[in-house]
């Protein structure tokens, strides 16, 4: 039977208004995301309310790349709405079933679990702009909890070179060729953008002055990983695939975008055909999707600076790769929605 919970108020999150490009992902597309995303708590045990005993929990936010406690970041807590019916996982992932219950710095929030019988959504809404806007679901619990959320500070850029895997010379896949390529990368090593210094961070300006190179190197402070936005989500169920040890819930992730000079055809022997295979050593954490004239090789795991990727690409006689970019691909449903280059 459907279960209804009555709550007092207030504003529900607004749906994203991104323009949709209706191209289907490759079949394996949404199989992975990442345990570090903490969406592992999304596994849906039969949806049952918690008892009414008073149990409180606190939330600690940890910067994923460097491990610093950043619980001063603004955090929103969403509870079920009065009108919501919760009897399956799709209801948990319906943004209009949830409303803002409380917000503030995470270290100032104390949550009475009994007020959230169907669990709650945590949204990282960092008004300083350092940490990504992400959503995490906390399932209902009968025990007193101390929730830790690892938050994401993305690099301002990913600097890369696409090399021939045999010669290590810079190379771009050309018409009527087959080659194996290795992508080598790094984050900006001398950046004054959003330093983890001063304000509420542990490091002081004096610390920075003693070792500016360390604090300006984004490899020490930033990371990439798939992230989840409840208001962008339009599919209902987490993956049941057991071929990878990671969960499938994400709506945006890092990708390399390979743009061709013509629409890509996936039929064998077509002059505009392109085949792409991620090398076995990398295949667990990378996926391939084709959208019109662009191939996306996107990551379903955590990436730190200086990561590599190896893949093989075969091209027909009338098609070639014209540009390669690094950026974020939006995949709110089983389609490529948009790509934003760094």
C-alpha atoms as a PDB file:
ATOM      1  CA  UNK A   1       0.000   0.000   0.000  1.00  0.00           C
ATOM      2  CA  UNK A   2       1.225   3.522  -0.729  1.00  0.00           C
ATOM      3  CA  UNK A   3       2.446   5.424   2.292  1.00  0.00           C
ATOM      4  CA  UNK A   4       1.916   9.156   2.798  1.00  0.00           C
ATOM      5  CA  UNK A   5       3.734  11.501   5.124  1.00  0.00           C
ATOM      6  CA  UNK A   6       2.512  14.974   6.059  1.00  0.00           C
ATOM      7  CA  UNK A   7       5.058  17.744   6.442  1.00  0.00           C
ATOM      8  CA  UNK A   8       4.706  21.432   7.064  1.00  0.00           C
ATOM      9  CA  UNK A   9       6.351  23.365   4.231  1.00  0.00           C
ATOM     10  CA  UNK A  10       7.979  24.738   1.776  1.00  0.00           C
ATOM     11  CA  UNK A  11       9.967  25.302  -1.448  1.00  0.00           C
ATOM     12  CA  UNK A  12      10.654  22.323  -3.733  1.00  0.00           C
ATOM     13  CA  UNK A  13      13.735  22.301  -5.986  1.00  0.00           C
ATOM     14  CA  UNK A  14      13.274  23.735  -9.481  1.00  0.00           C
ATOM     15  CA  UNK A  15      13.780  21.295 -12.404  1.00  0.00           C
ATOM     16  CA  UNK A  16      16.742  21.935 -14.654  1.00  0.00           C
ATOM     17  CA  UNK A  17      15.859  23.637 -17.926  1.00  0.00           C
ATOM     18  CA  UNK A  18      18.701  22.254 -20.037  1.00  0.00           C
ATOM     19  CA  UNK A  19      18.018  21.719 -23.756  1.00  0.00           C
ATOM     20  CA  UNK A  20      17.731  18.018 -24.598  1.00  0.00           C
ATOM     21  CA  UNK A  21      19.506  16.353 -27.491  1.00  0.00           C
ATOM     22  CA  UNK A  22      17.806  12.989 -27.951  1.00  0.00           C
ATOM     23  CA  UNK A  23      20.601  10.588 -28.761  1.00  0.00           C
ATOM     24  CA  UNK A  24      20.705   7.241 -26.961  1.00  0.00           C
ATOM     25  CA  UNK A  25      23.805   6.265 -25.019  1.00  0.00           C
ATOM     26  CA  UNK A  26      25.706   3.112 -25.825  1.00  0.00           C
ATOM     27  CA  UNK A  27      24.115   0.139 -24.068  1.00  0.00           C
ATOM     28  CA  UNK A  28      26.730   0.058 -21.353  1.00  0.00           C
ATOM     29  CA  UNK A  29      26.488   3.801 -20.915  1.00  0.00           C
ATOM     30  CA  UNK A  30      24.974   4.279 -17.542  1.00  0.00           C
ATOM     31  CA  UNK A  31      26.353   1.107 -15.936  1.00  0.00           C
ATOM     32  CA  UNK A  32      28.995   2.836 -13.826  1.00  0.00           C
ATOM     33  CA  UNK A  33      29.407   5.794 -11.566  1.00  0.00           C
ATOM     34  CA  UNK A  34      31.394   5.711  -8.416  1.00  0.00           C
ATOM     35  CA  UNK A  35      31.392   4.511  -4.851  1.00  0.00           C
ATOM     36  CA  UNK A  36      33.154   7.667  -3.670  1.00  0.00           C
ATOM     37  CA  UNK A  37      30.094   9.621  -4.839  1.00  0.00           C
ATOM     38  CA  UNK A  38      28.383   8.118  -1.796  1.00  0.00           C
ATOM     39  CA  UNK A  39      25.421   7.327  -3.980  1.00  0.00           C
ATOM     40  CA  UNK A  40      25.999   3.806  -2.730  1.00  0.00           C
ATOM     41  CA  UNK A  41      23.514   4.737  -0.014  1.00  0.00           C
ATOM     42  CA  UNK A  42      20.919   4.920  -2.754  1.00  0.00           C
ATOM     43  CA  UNK A  43      20.411   1.159  -2.651  1.00  0.00           C
ATOM     44  CA  UNK A  44      16.742   0.849  -1.870  1.00  0.00           C
ATOM     45  CA  UNK A  45      15.923  -1.488   0.966  1.00  0.00           C
ATOM     46  CA  UNK A  46      12.018  -1.800   0.883  1.00  0.00           C
ATOM     47  CA  UNK A  47      10.915   1.734   1.593  1.00  0.00           C
ATOM     48  CA  UNK A  48       9.828   1.779   5.200  1.00  0.00           C
ATOM     49  CA  UNK A  49       9.533   4.715   7.613  1.00  0.00           C
ATOM     50  CA  UNK A  50      11.725   4.995  10.688  1.00  0.00           C
ATOM     51  CA  UNK A  51      10.261   4.768  14.195  1.00  0.00           C
ATOM     52  CA  UNK A  52       9.331   7.956  16.008  1.00  0.00           C
ATOM     53  CA  UNK A  53      12.058   7.839  18.671  1.00  0.00           C
ATOM     54  CA  UNK A  54      14.168  10.990  18.836  1.00  0.00           C
ATOM     55  CA  UNK A  55      17.465  10.252  17.145  1.00  0.00           C
ATOM     56  CA  UNK A  56      19.706  13.038  15.928  1.00  0.00           C
ATOM     57  CA  UNK A  57      22.409  13.003  13.322  1.00  0.00           C
ATOM     58  CA  UNK A  58      25.060  15.446  12.196  1.00  0.00           C
ATOM     59  CA  UNK A  59      26.667  15.936   8.784  1.00  0.00           C
ATOM     60  CA  UNK A  60      30.394  16.303   8.137  1.00  0.00           C
ATOM     61  CA  UNK A  61      31.638  17.482   4.750  1.00  0.00           C
ATOM     62  CA  UNK A  62      35.095  16.374   3.627  1.00  0.00           C
ATOM     63  CA  UNK A  63      36.932  17.778   0.598  1.00  0.00           C
ATOM     64  CA  UNK A  64      37.416  14.687  -1.556  1.00  0.00           C
ATOM     65  CA  UNK A  65      40.838  15.496  -2.996  1.00  0.00           C
ATOM     66  CA  UNK A  66      42.689  16.511   0.162  1.00  0.00           C
ATOM     67  CA  UNK A  67      40.556  15.267   3.077  1.00  0.00           C
ATOM     68  CA  UNK A  68      40.044  18.618   4.785  1.00  0.00           C
ATOM     69  CA  UNK A  69      36.909  19.102   6.880  1.00  0.00           C
ATOM     70  CA  UNK A  70      34.883  21.760   5.047  1.00  0.00           C
ATOM     71  CA  UNK A  71      31.687  21.503   7.059  1.00  0.00           C
ATOM     72  CA  UNK A  72      31.297  25.272   6.891  1.00  0.00           C
ATOM     73  CA  UNK A  73      29.876  24.812   3.350  1.00  0.00           C
ATOM     74  CA  UNK A  74      26.170  25.590   2.992  1.00  0.00           C
ATOM     75  CA  UNK A  75      24.065  22.441   2.979  1.00  0.00           C
ATOM     76  CA  UNK A  76      20.356  21.915   2.299  1.00  0.00           C
ATOM     77  CA  UNK A  77      18.199  19.113   3.711  1.00  0.00           C
ATOM     78  CA  UNK A  78      15.058  18.015   1.844  1.00  0.00           C
ATOM     79  CA  UNK A  79      12.144  16.122   3.386  1.00  0.00           C
ATOM     80  CA  UNK A  80       9.179  14.416   1.803  1.00  0.00           C
ATOM     81  CA  UNK A  81       6.265  16.695   0.863  1.00  0.00           C
ATOM     82  CA  UNK A  82       2.774  16.413   2.296  1.00  0.00           C
ATOM     83  CA  UNK A  83       1.389  15.269  -1.044  1.00  0.00           C
ATOM     84  CA  UNK A  84       4.025  12.636  -1.820  1.00  0.00           C
ATOM     85  CA  UNK A  85       3.286   8.953  -2.136  1.00  0.00           C
ATOM     86  CA  UNK A  86       6.340   6.789  -1.522  1.00  0.00           C
ATOM     87  CA  UNK A  87       6.110   3.127  -2.442  1.00  0.00           C
ATOM     88  CA  UNK A  88       8.932   2.549  -4.941  1.00  0.00           C
ATOM     89  CA  UNK A  89      12.403   3.802  -5.759  1.00  0.00           C
ATOM     90  CA  UNK A  90      11.164   6.059  -8.573  1.00  0.00           C
ATOM     91  CA  UNK A  91       9.287   8.111  -5.952  1.00  0.00           C
ATOM     92  CA  UNK A  92      12.520   8.761  -4.073  1.00  0.00           C
ATOM     93  CA  UNK A  93      14.067  10.087  -7.302  1.00  0.00           C
ATOM     94  CA  UNK A  94      11.171  12.407  -8.146  1.00  0.00           C
ATOM     95  CA  UNK A  95      12.312  15.904  -7.193  1.00  0.00           C
ATOM     96  CA  UNK A  96       8.763  17.256  -6.798  1.00  0.00           C
ATOM     97  CA  UNK A  97       8.209  14.785  -3.940  1.00  0.00           C
ATOM     98  CA  UNK A  98      10.741  16.678  -1.826  1.00  0.00           C
ATOM     99  CA  UNK A  99      10.853  20.107  -0.213  1.00  0.00           C
ATOM    100  CA  UNK A 100      13.482  22.142   1.601  1.00  0.00           C
ATOM    101  CA  UNK A 101      13.285  21.470   5.327  1.00  0.00           C
ATOM    102  CA  UNK A 102      16.376  23.217   6.660  1.00  0.00           C
ATOM    103  CA  UNK A 103      19.703  24.628   5.494  1.00  0.00           C
ATOM    104  CA  UNK A 104      22.898  26.182   6.763  1.00  0.00           C
ATOM    105  CA  UNK A 105      26.548  25.280   7.280  1.00  0.00           C
ATOM    106  CA  UNK A 106      26.724  21.517   7.724  1.00  0.00           C
ATOM    107  CA  UNK A 107      28.416  21.869  11.102  1.00  0.00           C
ATOM    108  CA  UNK A 108      25.451  23.869  12.394  1.00  0.00           C
ATOM    109  CA  UNK A 109      22.801  21.328  11.385  1.00  0.00           C
ATOM    110  CA  UNK A 110      21.404  18.735  13.807  1.00  0.00           C
ATOM    111  CA  UNK A 111      18.783  16.524  12.235  1.00  0.00           C
ATOM    112  CA  UNK A 112      16.128  14.648  14.173  1.00  0.00           C
ATOM    113  CA  UNK A 113      15.873  11.412  12.203  1.00  0.00           C
ATOM    114  CA  UNK A 114      12.304  10.876  13.422  1.00  0.00           C
ATOM    115  CA  UNK A 115      11.255  13.920  11.381  1.00  0.00           C
ATOM    116  CA  UNK A 116      12.456  12.177   8.201  1.00  0.00           C
ATOM    117  CA  UNK A 117      10.735   8.768   8.147  1.00  0.00           C
ATOM    118  CA  UNK A 118      11.622   8.169   4.502  1.00  0.00           C
ATOM    119  CA  UNK A 119      15.158   9.489   4.753  1.00  0.00           C
ATOM    120  CA  UNK A 120      16.268  12.762   3.254  1.00  0.00           C
ATOM    121  CA  UNK A 121      18.186  14.303   0.399  1.00  0.00           C
ATOM    122  CA  UNK A 122      21.331  16.298   1.141  1.00  0.00           C
ATOM    123  CA  UNK A 123      22.203  19.021  -1.346  1.00  0.00           C
ATOM    124  CA  UNK A 124      25.603  20.708  -1.336  1.00  0.00           C
ATOM    125  CA  UNK A 125      24.740  24.311  -2.206  1.00  0.00           C
ATOM    126  CA  UNK A 126      28.079  26.032  -1.705  1.00  0.00           C
ATOM    127  CA  UNK A 127      27.564  29.776  -2.051  1.00  0.00           C
ATOM    128  CA  UNK A 128      31.350  30.313  -2.201  1.00  0.00           C
ATOM    129  CA  UNK A 129      31.488  28.431  -5.504  1.00  0.00           C
ATOM    130  CA  UNK A 130      34.285  26.052  -4.554  1.00  0.00           C
ATOM    131  CA  UNK A 131      32.391  22.783  -4.308  1.00  0.00           C
ATOM    132  CA  UNK A 132      30.064  21.245  -6.882  1.00  0.00           C
ATOM    133  CA  UNK A 133      26.294  21.351  -6.476  1.00  0.00           C
ATOM    134  CA  UNK A 134      25.552  17.688  -5.704  1.00  0.00           C
ATOM    135  CA  UNK A 135      22.719  15.641  -4.195  1.00  0.00           C
ATOM    136  CA  UNK A 136      23.112  12.633  -1.880  1.00  0.00           C
ATOM    137  CA  UNK A 137      20.323  10.423  -0.531  1.00  0.00           C
ATOM    138  CA  UNK A 138      20.400   9.256   3.081  1.00  0.00           C
ATOM    139  CA  UNK A 139      18.205   6.204   3.584  1.00  0.00           C
ATOM    140  CA  UNK A 140      16.063   5.980   6.756  1.00  0.00           C
ATOM    141  CA  UNK A 141      17.831   4.473   9.748  1.00  0.00           C
ATOM    142  CA  UNK A 142      16.863   3.309  13.194  1.00  0.00           C
ATOM    143  CA  UNK A 143      20.272   4.156  14.615  1.00  0.00           C
ATOM    144  CA  UNK A 144      21.883   7.423  15.549  1.00  0.00           C
ATOM    145  CA  UNK A 145      24.003   8.466  12.612  1.00  0.00           C
ATOM    146  CA  UNK A 146      27.024  10.551  11.862  1.00  0.00           C
ATOM    147  CA  UNK A 147      26.892  11.202   8.136  1.00  0.00           C
ATOM    148  CA  UNK A 148      30.067  11.987   6.185  1.00  0.00           C
ATOM    149  CA  UNK A 149      29.773  13.401   2.662  1.00  0.00           C
ATOM    150  CA  UNK A 150      32.818  13.705   0.410  1.00  0.00           C
ATOM    151  CA  UNK A 151      32.372  16.862  -1.627  1.00  0.00           C
ATOM    152  CA  UNK A 152      33.779  17.653  -5.040  1.00  0.00           C
ATOM    153  CA  UNK A 153      36.015  20.542  -6.128  1.00  0.00           C
ATOM    154  CA  UNK A 154      36.629  20.165  -9.860  1.00  0.00           C
ATOM    155  CA  UNK A 155      39.780  21.485 -11.581  1.00  0.00           C
ATOM    156  CA  UNK A 156      39.451  24.618 -13.668  1.00  0.00           C
ATOM    157  CA  UNK A 157      40.894  22.751 -16.650  1.00  0.00           C
ATOM    158  CA  UNK A 158      42.247  19.385 -17.770  1.00  0.00           C
ATOM    159  CA  UNK A 159      45.381  19.795 -19.870  1.00  0.00           C
ATOM    160  CA  UNK A 160      45.930  16.780 -22.120  1.00  0.00           C
ATOM    161  CA  UNK A 161      47.873  15.353 -25.038  1.00  0.00           C
ATOM    162  CA  UNK A 162      46.628  12.586 -27.336  1.00  0.00           C
ATOM    163  CA  UNK A 163      49.648  10.422 -28.166  1.00  0.00           C
ATOM    164  CA  UNK A 164      50.264   7.511 -30.457  1.00  0.00           C
ATOM    165  CA  UNK A 165      50.637   4.633 -27.987  1.00  0.00           C
ATOM    166  CA  UNK A 166      53.555   3.140 -29.916  1.00  0.00           C
ATOM    167  CA  UNK A 167      55.625   6.232 -30.656  1.00  0.00           C
ATOM    168  CA  UNK A 168      54.369   8.643 -27.958  1.00  0.00           C
ATOM    169  CA  UNK A 169      54.130  11.331 -30.607  1.00  0.00           C
ATOM    170  CA  UNK A 170      51.178  13.725 -30.606  1.00  0.00           C
ATOM    171  CA  UNK A 171      48.544  12.354 -32.949  1.00  0.00           C
ATOM    172  CA  UNK A 172      44.937  12.894 -34.062  1.00  0.00           C
ATOM    173  CA  UNK A 173      42.998   9.953 -35.569  1.00  0.00           C
ATOM    174  CA  UNK A 174      42.782  10.422 -39.346  1.00  0.00           C
ATOM    175  CA  UNK A 175      40.720   9.028 -42.218  1.00  0.00           C
ATOM    176  CA  UNK A 176      41.173   5.370 -43.170  1.00  0.00           C
ATOM    177  CA  UNK A 177      43.418   4.635 -40.191  1.00  0.00           C
ATOM    178  CA  UNK A 178      43.441   2.337 -37.183  1.00  0.00           C
ATOM    179  CA  UNK A 179      45.526   3.299 -34.185  1.00  0.00           C
ATOM    180  CA  UNK A 180      45.933   2.890 -30.465  1.00  0.00           C
ATOM    181  CA  UNK A 181      46.248   6.151 -28.567  1.00  0.00           C
ATOM    182  CA  UNK A 182      47.132   7.167 -25.040  1.00  0.00           C
ATOM    183  CA  UNK A 183      45.702  10.284 -23.460  1.00  0.00           C
ATOM    184  CA  UNK A 184      47.979  11.842 -20.826  1.00  0.00           C
ATOM    185  CA  UNK A 185      46.681  14.615 -18.594  1.00  0.00           C
ATOM    186  CA  UNK A 186      47.329  17.017 -15.771  1.00  0.00           C
ATOM    187  CA  UNK A 187      45.456  19.684 -13.827  1.00  0.00           C
ATOM    188  CA  UNK A 188      46.734  23.292 -13.871  1.00  0.00           C
ATOM    189  CA  UNK A 189      49.933  23.448 -11.846  1.00  0.00           C
ATOM    190  CA  UNK A 190      50.146  27.200 -11.275  1.00  0.00           C
ATOM    191  CA  UNK A 191      46.686  28.586 -10.641  1.00  0.00           C
ATOM    192  CA  UNK A 192      45.508  31.353  -8.328  1.00  0.00           C
ATOM    193  CA  UNK A 193      41.847  30.328  -8.762  1.00  0.00           C
ATOM    194  CA  UNK A 194      39.904  29.253  -5.664  1.00  0.00           C
ATOM    195  CA  UNK A 195      42.872  28.444  -3.473  1.00  0.00           C
ATOM    196  CA  UNK A 196      42.231  26.308  -0.383  1.00  0.00           C
ATOM    197  CA  UNK A 197      43.713  29.095   1.723  1.00  0.00           C
ATOM    198  CA  UNK A 198      42.321  31.633   4.178  1.00  0.00           C
ATOM    199  CA  UNK A 199      38.658  32.265   4.958  1.00  0.00           C
ATOM    200  CA  UNK A 200      37.345  29.023   6.476  1.00  0.00           C
ATOM    201  CA  UNK A 201      40.125  26.777   5.195  1.00  0.00           C
ATOM    202  CA  UNK A 202      42.760  25.434   7.561  1.00  0.00           C
ATOM    203  CA  UNK A 203      45.704  26.902   5.642  1.00  0.00           C
ATOM    204  CA  UNK A 204      46.430  30.557   6.356  1.00  0.00           C
ATOM    205  CA  UNK A 205      47.840  33.262   4.119  1.00  0.00           C
ATOM    206  CA  UNK A 206      51.113  32.825   6.018  1.00  0.00           C
ATOM    207  CA  UNK A 207      51.125  29.133   5.042  1.00  0.00           C
ATOM    208  CA  UNK A 208      50.519  30.094   1.423  1.00  0.00           C
ATOM    209  CA  UNK A 209      53.379  32.590   1.415  1.00  0.00           C
ATOM    210  CA  UNK A 210      55.750  29.885   2.631  1.00  0.00           C
ATOM    211  CA  UNK A 211      54.921  27.483  -0.219  1.00  0.00           C
ATOM    212  CA  UNK A 212      52.942  29.140  -2.991  1.00  0.00           C
ATOM    213  CA  UNK A 213      53.764  26.443  -5.563  1.00  0.00           C
ATOM    214  CA  UNK A 214      52.092  23.794  -3.414  1.00  0.00           C
ATOM    215  CA  UNK A 215      48.878  25.747  -2.873  1.00  0.00           C
ATOM    216  CA  UNK A 216      48.659  26.878  -6.503  1.00  0.00           C
ATOM    217  CA  UNK A 217      48.939  23.322  -7.850  1.00  0.00           C
ATOM    218  CA  UNK A 218      45.385  22.066  -8.406  1.00  0.00           C
ATOM    219  CA  UNK A 219      46.611  18.459  -8.307  1.00  0.00           C
ATOM    220  CA  UNK A 220      46.798  18.840  -4.524  1.00  0.00           C
ATOM    221  CA  UNK A 221      43.253  20.142  -4.045  1.00  0.00           C
ATOM    222  CA  UNK A 222      40.960  19.085  -6.845  1.00  0.00           C
ATOM    223  CA  UNK A 223      39.468  15.974  -8.415  1.00  0.00           C
ATOM    224  CA  UNK A 224      36.970  14.741 -10.987  1.00  0.00           C
ATOM    225  CA  UNK A 225      34.191  12.237 -10.459  1.00  0.00           C
ATOM    226  CA  UNK A 226      30.618  11.624 -11.596  1.00  0.00           C
ATOM    227  CA  UNK A 227      28.057  13.771  -9.768  1.00  0.00           C
ATOM    228  CA  UNK A 228      24.310  13.539  -9.251  1.00  0.00           C
ATOM    229  CA  UNK A 229      21.607  16.215  -9.466  1.00  0.00           C
ATOM    230  CA  UNK A 230      18.112  15.173  -8.374  1.00  0.00           C
ATOM    231  CA  UNK A 231      16.477  17.903 -10.461  1.00  0.00           C
ATOM    232  CA  UNK A 232      18.251  16.642 -13.599  1.00  0.00           C
ATOM    233  CA  UNK A 233      17.400  13.006 -13.063  1.00  0.00           C
ATOM    234  CA  UNK A 234      14.757  11.532 -15.364  1.00  0.00           C
ATOM    235  CA  UNK A 235      15.337   7.818 -14.971  1.00  0.00           C
ATOM    236  CA  UNK A 236      14.088   5.757 -12.115  1.00  0.00           C
ATOM    237  CA  UNK A 237      16.283   2.864 -11.127  1.00  0.00           C
ATOM    238  CA  UNK A 238      19.899   2.283 -10.101  1.00  0.00           C
ATOM    239  CA  UNK A 239      21.816  -0.229 -12.164  1.00  0.00           C
ATOM    240  CA  UNK A 240      21.478  -3.916 -11.361  1.00  0.00           C
ATOM    241  CA  UNK A 241      24.542  -4.728 -13.433  1.00  0.00           C
ATOM    242  CA  UNK A 242      27.120  -6.681 -11.415  1.00  0.00           C
ATOM    243  CA  UNK A 243      30.027  -6.438 -13.838  1.00  0.00           C
ATOM    244  CA  UNK A 244      31.466  -3.433 -12.016  1.00  0.00           C
ATOM    245  CA  UNK A 245      31.737  -2.763  -8.267  1.00  0.00           C
ATOM    246  CA  UNK A 246      30.300   0.724  -8.645  1.00  0.00           C
ATOM    247  CA  UNK A 247      26.841   2.263  -8.707  1.00  0.00           C
ATOM    248  CA  UNK A 248      25.256   3.832 -11.745  1.00  0.00           C
ATOM    249  CA  UNK A 249      23.704   6.983 -10.357  1.00  0.00           C
ATOM    250  CA  UNK A 250      25.082  10.131 -11.902  1.00  0.00           C
ATOM    251  CA  UNK A 251      23.861  12.931 -14.119  1.00  0.00           C
ATOM    252  CA  UNK A 252      27.179  14.580 -15.066  1.00  0.00           C
ATOM    253  CA  UNK A 253      30.719  13.342 -15.481  1.00  0.00           C
ATOM    254  CA  UNK A 254      34.077  14.023 -17.122  1.00  0.00           C
ATOM    255  CA  UNK A 255      34.550  13.140 -20.793  1.00  0.00           C
ATOM    256  CA  UNK A 256      36.786  13.525 -23.789  1.00  0.00           C
ATOM    257  CA  UNK A 257      34.790  14.651 -26.830  1.00  0.00           C
ATOM    258  CA  UNK A 258      36.076  13.676 -30.280  1.00  0.00           C
ATOM    259  CA  UNK A 259      34.325  15.685 -33.004  1.00  0.00           C
ATOM    260  CA  UNK A 260      34.435  14.331 -36.537  1.00  0.00           C
ATOM    261  CA  UNK A 261      34.093  16.124 -39.863  1.00  0.00           C
ATOM    262  CA  UNK A 262      30.817  14.295 -40.634  1.00  0.00           C
ATOM    263  CA  UNK A 263      28.004  12.391 -38.952  1.00  0.00           C
ATOM    264  CA  UNK A 264      29.374   9.138 -37.573  1.00  0.00           C
ATOM    265  CA  UNK A 265      27.944   5.901 -38.958  1.00  0.00           C
ATOM    266  CA  UNK A 266      28.053   2.708 -36.904  1.00  0.00           C
ATOM    267  CA  UNK A 267      27.521   0.258 -39.784  1.00  0.00           C
ATOM    268  CA  UNK A 268      30.446  -1.944 -40.807  1.00  0.00           C
ATOM    269  CA  UNK A 269      32.347  -0.919 -43.942  1.00  0.00           C
ATOM    270  CA  UNK A 270      30.604   2.439 -44.239  1.00  0.00           C
ATOM    271  CA  UNK A 271      33.087   5.157 -45.332  1.00  0.00           C
ATOM    272  CA  UNK A 272      31.905   7.334 -42.408  1.00  0.00           C
ATOM    273  CA  UNK A 273      32.200   4.561 -39.829  1.00  0.00           C
ATOM    274  CA  UNK A 274      34.199   4.973 -36.618  1.00  0.00           C
ATOM    275  CA  UNK A 275      34.829   2.153 -34.147  1.00  0.00           C
ATOM    276  CA  UNK A 276      36.182   2.913 -30.681  1.00  0.00           C
ATOM    277  CA  UNK A 277      37.340   0.449 -28.025  1.00  0.00           C
ATOM    278  CA  UNK A 278      38.704   1.392 -24.617  1.00  0.00           C
ATOM    279  CA  UNK A 279      41.764  -0.706 -23.780  1.00  0.00           C
ATOM    280  CA  UNK A 280      41.179  -3.531 -21.324  1.00  0.00           C
ATOM    281  CA  UNK A 281      43.201  -1.935 -18.526  1.00  0.00           C
ATOM    282  CA  UNK A 282      40.864   1.084 -18.570  1.00  0.00           C
ATOM    283  CA  UNK A 283      37.547  -0.451 -19.630  1.00  0.00           C
ATOM    284  CA  UNK A 284      36.169  -0.865 -16.120  1.00  0.00           C
ATOM    285  CA  UNK A 285      35.941   2.874 -15.566  1.00  0.00           C
ATOM    286  CA  UNK A 286      35.417   4.354 -19.047  1.00  0.00           C
ATOM    287  CA  UNK A 287      32.468   4.153 -21.448  1.00  0.00           C
ATOM    288  CA  UNK A 288      31.883   5.196 -25.063  1.00  0.00           C
ATOM    289  CA  UNK A 289      28.847   7.013 -26.499  1.00  0.00           C
ATOM    290  CA  UNK A 290      28.221   8.400 -29.982  1.00  0.00           C
ATOM    291  CA  UNK A 291      26.037  11.438 -30.619  1.00  0.00           C
ATOM    292  CA  UNK A 292      25.738  12.613 -34.232  1.00  0.00           C
ATOM    293  CA  UNK A 293      29.270  13.753 -35.175  1.00  0.00           C
ATOM    294  CA  UNK A 294      30.833  13.354 -31.724  1.00  0.00           C
ATOM    295  CA  UNK A 295      32.284  10.431 -29.790  1.00  0.00           C
ATOM    296  CA  UNK A 296      32.353  10.742 -26.003  1.00  0.00           C
ATOM    297  CA  UNK A 297      34.700   8.630 -23.918  1.00  0.00           C
ATOM    298  CA  UNK A 298      33.439   9.351 -20.437  1.00  0.00           C
ATOM    299  CA  UNK A 299      34.586   8.278 -16.997  1.00  0.00           C
ATOM    300  CA  UNK A 300      32.483   6.533 -14.362  1.00  0.00           C
ATOM    301  CA  UNK A 301      35.046   6.731 -11.562  1.00  0.00           C
ATOM    302  CA  UNK A 302      37.207   9.180  -9.636  1.00  0.00           C
ATOM    303  CA  UNK A 303      40.083  10.916 -11.428  1.00  0.00           C
ATOM    304  CA  UNK A 304      42.985  12.747  -9.866  1.00  0.00           C
ATOM    305  CA  UNK A 305      45.563  14.784 -11.762  1.00  0.00           C
ATOM    306  CA  UNK A 306      47.938  12.970 -14.153  1.00  0.00           C
ATOM    307  CA  UNK A 307      45.492  10.233 -15.107  1.00  0.00           C
ATOM    308  CA  UNK A 308      45.786   8.351 -18.413  1.00  0.00           C
ATOM    309  CA  UNK A 309      43.406   6.708 -20.863  1.00  0.00           C
ATOM    310  CA  UNK A 310      44.197   4.281 -23.679  1.00  0.00           C
ATOM    311  CA  UNK A 311      41.852   3.461 -26.556  1.00  0.00           C
ATOM    312  CA  UNK A 312      41.832   2.123 -30.114  1.00  0.00           C
ATOM    313  CA  UNK A 313      40.021   3.968 -32.917  1.00  0.00           C
ATOM    314  CA  UNK A 314      39.360   2.831 -36.485  1.00  0.00           C
ATOM    315  CA  UNK A 315      38.027   5.304 -39.062  1.00  0.00           C
ATOM    316  CA  UNK A 316      36.447   4.902 -42.494  1.00  0.00           C
ATOM    317  CA  UNK A 317      37.954   6.449 -45.588  1.00  0.00           C
ATOM    318  CA  UNK A 318      35.713   9.548 -45.586  1.00  0.00           C
ATOM    319  CA  UNK A 319      35.790  10.580 -41.930  1.00  0.00           C
ATOM    320  CA  UNK A 320      38.406  11.958 -39.549  1.00  0.00           C
ATOM    321  CA  UNK A 321      38.622  13.545 -36.113  1.00  0.00           C
ATOM    322  CA  UNK A 322      38.813  17.326 -36.337  1.00  0.00           C
ATOM    323  CA  UNK A 323      38.910  18.326 -32.649  1.00  0.00           C
ATOM    324  CA  UNK A 324      39.407  16.713 -29.252  1.00  0.00           C
ATOM    325  CA  UNK A 325      38.182  18.484 -26.107  1.00  0.00           C
ATOM    326  CA  UNK A 326      38.045  17.731 -22.392  1.00  0.00           C
ATOM    327  CA  UNK A 327      35.009  18.722 -20.358  1.00  0.00           C
ATOM    328  CA  UNK A 328      31.824  17.676 -18.598  1.00  0.00           C
ATOM    329  CA  UNK A 329      29.074  15.687 -20.268  1.00  0.00           C
ATOM    330  CA  UNK A 330      25.515  15.839 -18.953  1.00  0.00           C
ATOM    331  CA  UNK A 331      23.603  12.533 -19.020  1.00  0.00           C
ATOM    332  CA  UNK A 332      20.389  13.143 -17.049  1.00  0.00           C
ATOM    333  CA  UNK A 333      18.526  10.278 -18.723  1.00  0.00           C
ATOM    334  CA  UNK A 334      19.814   7.571 -21.019  1.00  0.00           C
ATOM    335  CA  UNK A 335      20.843  10.238 -23.539  1.00  0.00           C
ATOM    336  CA  UNK A 336      23.653  12.701 -24.102  1.00  0.00           C
ATOM    337  CA  UNK A 337      22.188  16.067 -23.066  1.00  0.00           C
ATOM    338  CA  UNK A 338      25.079  18.507 -23.440  1.00  0.00           C
ATOM    339  CA  UNK A 339      28.841  18.845 -23.292  1.00  0.00           C
ATOM    340  CA  UNK A 340      30.731  21.756 -21.748  1.00  0.00           C
ATOM    341  CA  UNK A 341      34.428  22.011 -22.558  1.00  0.00           C
ATOM    342  CA  UNK A 342      36.839  23.294 -19.930  1.00  0.00           C
END
